[in-house]
Amino acid sequence: MGELGNQLRNEGSPPRNAFRVDEILAQLSEEDKADLLAAIQDAAISTAAITRVLRRNGHALSENAIRNYRRIHYGFR
């Protein structure tokens, strides 16, 4: 097996609890963190809106990152 094959085999999977949203939350002030968590828990605020605001503030993420976080942490469907 070549070097690339060795790297692929040894890479493994990311930790299950590695959520992009958690990475972003760790970078925010306490006030902004509370605001983001409130928005994530508020079904009236769309996933797309949260994603757009975070991107506009320099955080790279997909709508799926928010959608998965909502589903796993708050039972959204």
C-alpha atoms as a PDB file:
ATOM      1  CA  MET A   1       0.000   0.000   0.000  1.00  0.00           C
ATOM      2  CA  GLY A   2       1.288   3.446  -0.876  1.00  0.00           C
ATOM      3  CA  GLU A   3       1.703   6.471   1.377  1.00  0.00           C
ATOM      4  CA  LEU A   4      -1.758   7.838   0.544  1.00  0.00           C
ATOM      5  CA  GLY A   5      -3.346   4.486   1.383  1.00  0.00           C
ATOM      6  CA  ASN A   6      -1.534   4.412   4.729  1.00  0.00           C
ATOM      7  CA  GLN A   7      -2.720   7.916   5.553  1.00  0.00           C
ATOM      8  CA  LEU A   8      -6.305   7.074   4.625  1.00  0.00           C
ATOM      9  CA  ARG A   9      -6.283   3.919   6.720  1.00  0.00           C
ATOM     10  CA  ASN A  10      -4.785   5.707   9.737  1.00  0.00           C
ATOM     11  CA  GLU A  11      -6.902   8.851   9.539  1.00  0.00           C
ATOM     12  CA  GLY A  12      -9.873   7.430  11.417  1.00  0.00           C
ATOM     13  CA  SER A  13     -13.118   9.239  12.030  1.00  0.00           C
ATOM     14  CA  PRO A  14     -13.618  12.567  13.766  1.00  0.00           C
ATOM     15  CA  PRO A  15     -14.959  12.358  17.314  1.00  0.00           C
ATOM     16  CA  ARG A  16     -18.726  11.903  17.373  1.00  0.00           C
ATOM     17  CA  ASN A  17     -19.242  15.033  19.452  1.00  0.00           C
ATOM     18  CA  ALA A  18     -17.287  17.290  17.087  1.00  0.00           C
ATOM     19  CA  PHE A  19     -19.987  19.737  16.043  1.00  0.00           C
ATOM     20  CA  ARG A  20     -19.089  22.859  14.083  1.00  0.00           C
ATOM     21  CA  VAL A  21     -21.652  24.748  16.156  1.00  0.00           C
ATOM     22  CA  ASP A  22     -19.763  23.843  19.358  1.00  0.00           C
ATOM     23  CA  GLU A  23     -16.569  25.203  17.812  1.00  0.00           C
ATOM     24  CA  ILE A  24     -18.342  28.469  17.008  1.00  0.00           C
ATOM     25  CA  LEU A  25     -19.928  28.664  20.460  1.00  0.00           C
ATOM     26  CA  ALA A  26     -16.476  28.363  22.033  1.00  0.00           C
ATOM     27  CA  GLN A  27     -15.344  31.469  20.119  1.00  0.00           C
ATOM     28  CA  LEU A  28     -18.275  33.703  21.124  1.00  0.00           C
ATOM     29  CA  SER A  29     -18.751  36.038  24.045  1.00  0.00           C
ATOM     30  CA  GLU A  30     -21.127  34.801  26.730  1.00  0.00           C
ATOM     31  CA  GLU A  31     -23.829  37.168  25.458  1.00  0.00           C
ATOM     32  CA  ASP A  32     -23.480  36.058  21.834  1.00  0.00           C
ATOM     33  CA  LYS A  33     -23.329  32.411  22.911  1.00  0.00           C
ATOM     34  CA  ALA A  34     -26.623  32.800  24.779  1.00  0.00           C
ATOM     35  CA  ASP A  35     -28.182  34.543  21.769  1.00  0.00           C
ATOM     36  CA  LEU A  36     -27.068  31.801  19.372  1.00  0.00           C
ATOM     37  CA  LEU A  37     -28.303  29.012  21.628  1.00  0.00           C
ATOM     38  CA  ALA A  38     -31.645  30.795  22.042  1.00  0.00           C
ATOM     39  CA  ALA A  39     -31.948  31.116  18.257  1.00  0.00           C
ATOM     40  CA  ILE A  40     -31.060  27.470  17.730  1.00  0.00           C
ATOM     41  CA  GLN A  41     -33.781  26.447  20.187  1.00  0.00           C
ATOM     42  CA  ASP A  42     -36.378  28.776  18.633  1.00  0.00           C
ATOM     43  CA  ALA A  43     -38.278  26.983  15.856  1.00  0.00           C
ATOM     44  CA  ALA A  44     -39.511  30.365  14.583  1.00  0.00           C
ATOM     45  CA  ILE A  45     -35.940  31.223  13.511  1.00  0.00           C
ATOM     46  CA  SER A  46     -35.035  29.260  10.407  1.00  0.00           C
ATOM     47  CA  THR A  47     -31.894  27.234   9.963  1.00  0.00           C
ATOM     48  CA  ALA A  48     -31.134  29.307   6.868  1.00  0.00           C
ATOM     49  CA  ALA A  49     -31.395  32.576   8.830  1.00  0.00           C
ATOM     50  CA  ILE A  50     -29.033  31.345  11.554  1.00  0.00           C
ATOM     51  CA  THR A  51     -26.562  30.154   8.933  1.00  0.00           C
ATOM     52  CA  ARG A  52     -26.657  33.466   7.040  1.00  0.00           C
ATOM     53  CA  VAL A  53     -26.046  35.525  10.189  1.00  0.00           C
ATOM     54  CA  LEU A  54     -23.174  33.322  11.328  1.00  0.00           C
ATOM     55  CA  ARG A  55     -21.560  33.436   7.891  1.00  0.00           C
ATOM     56  CA  ARG A  56     -21.957  37.207   7.762  1.00  0.00           C
ATOM     57  CA  ASN A  57     -20.068  37.304  11.062  1.00  0.00           C
ATOM     58  CA  GLY A  58     -17.168  35.276   9.688  1.00  0.00           C
ATOM     59  CA  HIS A  59     -18.129  31.729  10.713  1.00  0.00           C
ATOM     60  CA  ALA A  60     -17.935  29.133   7.947  1.00  0.00           C
ATOM     61  CA  LEU A  61     -20.620  26.469   8.285  1.00  0.00           C
ATOM     62  CA  SER A  62     -23.432  24.806   6.380  1.00  0.00           C
ATOM     63  CA  GLU A  63     -27.143  24.767   7.067  1.00  0.00           C
ATOM     64  CA  ASN A  64     -26.733  21.065   7.799  1.00  0.00           C
ATOM     65  CA  ALA A  65     -24.440  21.942  10.717  1.00  0.00           C
ATOM     66  CA  ILE A  66     -27.277  23.909  12.346  1.00  0.00           C
ATOM     67  CA  ARG A  67     -29.921  21.375  11.325  1.00  0.00           C
ATOM     68  CA  ASN A  68     -27.952  18.462  12.816  1.00  0.00           C
ATOM     69  CA  TYR A  69     -27.213  20.389  16.013  1.00  0.00           C
ATOM     70  CA  ARG A  70     -30.910  21.185  16.438  1.00  0.00           C
ATOM     71  CA  ARG A  71     -31.931  17.597  15.772  1.00  0.00           C
ATOM     72  CA  ILE A  72     -29.382  15.960  18.042  1.00  0.00           C
ATOM     73  CA  HIS A  73     -29.425  18.450  20.936  1.00  0.00           C
ATOM     74  CA  TYR A  74     -33.016  19.710  20.899  1.00  0.00           C
ATOM     75  CA  GLY A  75     -35.081  17.052  19.126  1.00  0.00           C
ATOM     76  CA  PHE A  76     -35.928  19.095  16.039  1.00  0.00           C
ATOM     77  CA  ARG A  77     -37.129  17.097  13.057  1.00  0.00           C
END
